[in-house]
Amino acid sequence: MTPSTWLKARAAELGAALCTAAVLISGLAIGLPFLRARIAETLLYSCCCVSAVVLRAVLDLAVRVVALAVRSLRPAVPVMTRLKPSGA
C-alpha cells in the first residue's frame, strides 16, 4: 500500500468518525429526547469514535515503521553458500 492510498483510507475513516460525532452532538444541540436522556453516553461515544480512528492510525503507522526498519536491516554475517568440491 502506497503512502497516498494509506492516507486516503485513514482520511475516509476519520471523516466517517467525525461525521458520526457531529450527528450525535448536533442531535444533542437540537434537543432530541432520546439523546438528551443519555447526554454523557452520547458525548463519550462521540469522543471514543474519533479517538479510536486516530489510535488505529497511529498503531498501524507504528507497525509499518517497525516492519520497514526490520526489512531494511542487513544480516551482520553473510549467509555461507555451498562450496563446490575442489576435485570436481
C-alpha atoms as a PDB file:
ATOM      1  CA  MET A   1       0.000   0.000   0.000  1.00  0.00           C
ATOM      2  CA  THR A   2       1.442   3.329  -1.009  1.00  0.00           C
ATOM      3  CA  PRO A   3       1.529   6.233   1.448  1.00  0.00           C
ATOM      4  CA  SER A   4      -1.082   8.170  -0.525  1.00  0.00           C
ATOM      5  CA  THR A   5      -3.577   5.280  -0.513  1.00  0.00           C
ATOM      6  CA  TRP A   6      -2.916   4.735   3.187  1.00  0.00           C
ATOM      7  CA  LEU A   7      -3.590   8.422   3.872  1.00  0.00           C
ATOM      8  CA  LYS A   8      -6.768   8.342   1.781  1.00  0.00           C
ATOM      9  CA  ALA A   9      -8.059   5.314   3.697  1.00  0.00           C
ATOM     10  CA  ARG A  10      -7.305   6.878   7.087  1.00  0.00           C
ATOM     11  CA  ALA A  11      -8.861  10.181   5.965  1.00  0.00           C
ATOM     12  CA  ALA A  12     -12.040   8.358   4.944  1.00  0.00           C
ATOM     13  CA  GLU A  13     -12.202   6.609   8.324  1.00  0.00           C
ATOM     14  CA  LEU A  14     -11.578   9.863  10.174  1.00  0.00           C
ATOM     15  CA  GLY A  15     -14.211  11.650   8.091  1.00  0.00           C
ATOM     16  CA  ALA A  16     -16.774   8.970   8.902  1.00  0.00           C
ATOM     17  CA  ALA A  17     -15.956   9.152  12.622  1.00  0.00           C
ATOM     18  CA  LEU A  18     -16.168  12.950  12.645  1.00  0.00           C
ATOM     19  CA  CYS A  19     -19.472  12.809  10.759  1.00  0.00           C
ATOM     20  CA  THR A  20     -20.897  10.353  13.283  1.00  0.00           C
ATOM     21  CA  ALA A  21     -19.737  12.529  16.177  1.00  0.00           C
ATOM     22  CA  ALA A  22     -21.199  15.635  14.513  1.00  0.00           C
ATOM     23  CA  VAL A  23     -24.575  13.958  14.005  1.00  0.00           C
ATOM     24  CA  LEU A  24     -24.711  12.872  17.642  1.00  0.00           C
ATOM     25  CA  ILE A  25     -23.632  16.238  19.033  1.00  0.00           C
ATOM     26  CA  SER A  26     -25.978  18.142  16.729  1.00  0.00           C
ATOM     27  CA  GLY A  27     -28.773  15.845  17.880  1.00  0.00           C
ATOM     28  CA  LEU A  28     -27.970  16.905  21.424  1.00  0.00           C
ATOM     29  CA  ALA A  29     -27.904  20.549  20.359  1.00  0.00           C
ATOM     30  CA  ILE A  30     -31.378  20.447  18.832  1.00  0.00           C
ATOM     31  CA  GLY A  31     -32.689  18.566  21.857  1.00  0.00           C
ATOM     32  CA  LEU A  32     -33.649  15.115  20.614  1.00  0.00           C
ATOM     33  CA  PRO A  33     -35.282  13.393  23.592  1.00  0.00           C
ATOM     34  CA  PHE A  34     -33.598  10.002  23.201  1.00  0.00           C
ATOM     35  CA  LEU A  35     -30.183  11.672  23.079  1.00  0.00           C
ATOM     36  CA  ARG A  36     -30.882  14.163  25.863  1.00  0.00           C
ATOM     37  CA  ALA A  37     -31.746  11.252  28.145  1.00  0.00           C
ATOM     38  CA  ARG A  38     -28.217   9.940  27.623  1.00  0.00           C
ATOM     39  CA  ILE A  39     -26.040  13.039  27.323  1.00  0.00           C
ATOM     40  CA  ALA A  40     -22.963  11.523  28.948  1.00  0.00           C
ATOM     41  CA  GLU A  41     -23.086   8.370  26.820  1.00  0.00           C
ATOM     42  CA  THR A  42     -23.606  10.383  23.642  1.00  0.00           C
ATOM     43  CA  LEU A  43     -20.624  12.640  24.297  1.00  0.00           C
ATOM     44  CA  LEU A  44     -18.477   9.693  25.380  1.00  0.00           C
ATOM     45  CA  TYR A  45     -19.375   7.737  22.246  1.00  0.00           C
ATOM     46  CA  SER A  46     -18.583  10.751  20.068  1.00  0.00           C
ATOM     47  CA  CYS A  47     -15.137  11.160  21.618  1.00  0.00           C
ATOM     48  CA  CYS A  48     -14.400   7.429  21.551  1.00  0.00           C
ATOM     49  CA  CYS A  49     -15.441   7.155  17.921  1.00  0.00           C
ATOM     50  CA  VAL A  50     -12.923   9.772  16.808  1.00  0.00           C
ATOM     51  CA  SER A  51     -10.134   8.717  19.175  1.00  0.00           C
ATOM     52  CA  ALA A  52     -10.424   5.059  18.115  1.00  0.00           C
ATOM     53  CA  VAL A  53      -9.787   6.008  14.496  1.00  0.00           C
ATOM     54  CA  VAL A  54      -6.806   8.157  15.465  1.00  0.00           C
ATOM     55  CA  LEU A  55      -5.401   5.409  17.709  1.00  0.00           C
ATOM     56  CA  ARG A  56      -5.807   2.818  14.961  1.00  0.00           C
ATOM     57  CA  ALA A  57      -3.957   5.049  12.513  1.00  0.00           C
ATOM     58  CA  VAL A  58      -1.106   5.598  14.992  1.00  0.00           C
ATOM     59  CA  LEU A  59      -0.791   1.877  15.727  1.00  0.00           C
ATOM     60  CA  ASP A  60      -0.946   0.994  12.039  1.00  0.00           C
ATOM     61  CA  LEU A  61       1.729   3.551  11.247  1.00  0.00           C
ATOM     62  CA  ALA A  62       3.934   2.280  14.089  1.00  0.00           C
ATOM     63  CA  VAL A  63       3.682  -1.316  12.853  1.00  0.00           C
ATOM     64  CA  ARG A  64       4.531  -0.193   9.319  1.00  0.00           C
ATOM     65  CA  VAL A  65       7.591   1.735  10.551  1.00  0.00           C
ATOM     66  CA  VAL A  66       8.832  -1.254  12.563  1.00  0.00           C
ATOM     67  CA  ALA A  67       8.275  -3.599   9.610  1.00  0.00           C
ATOM     68  CA  LEU A  68      10.156  -1.228   7.318  1.00  0.00           C
ATOM     69  CA  ALA A  69      13.026  -0.977   9.808  1.00  0.00           C
ATOM     70  CA  VAL A  70      13.261  -4.756  10.121  1.00  0.00           C
ATOM     71  CA  ARG A  71      13.253  -5.184   6.337  1.00  0.00           C
ATOM     72  CA  SER A  72      15.993  -2.595   5.926  1.00  0.00           C
ATOM     73  CA  LEU A  73      18.364  -4.351   8.334  1.00  0.00           C
ATOM     74  CA  ARG A  74      21.051  -6.389   6.674  1.00  0.00           C
ATOM     75  CA  PRO A  75      22.449  -9.506   8.305  1.00  0.00           C
ATOM     76  CA  ALA A  76      25.783  -8.857  10.026  1.00  0.00           C
ATOM     77  CA  VAL A  77      27.288 -12.119   8.763  1.00  0.00           C
ATOM     78  CA  PRO A  78      26.627 -13.105   5.161  1.00  0.00           C
ATOM     79  CA  VAL A  79      24.990 -16.450   4.628  1.00  0.00           C
ATOM     80  CA  MET A  80      27.531 -19.040   3.567  1.00  0.00           C
ATOM     81  CA  THR A  81      26.928 -20.630   0.209  1.00  0.00           C
ATOM     82  CA  ARG A  82      27.604 -24.227  -0.602  1.00  0.00           C
ATOM     83  CA  LEU A  83      31.149 -24.725  -1.762  1.00  0.00           C
ATOM     84  CA  LYS A  84      31.871 -26.923  -4.750  1.00  0.00           C
ATOM     85  CA  PRO A  85      34.320 -29.734  -4.136  1.00  0.00           C
ATOM     86  CA  SER A  86      37.778 -28.742  -5.346  1.00  0.00           C
ATOM     87  CA  GLY A  87      38.441 -32.102  -7.004  1.00  0.00           C
ATOM     88  CA  ALA A  88      35.466 -31.949  -9.333  1.00  0.00           C
END
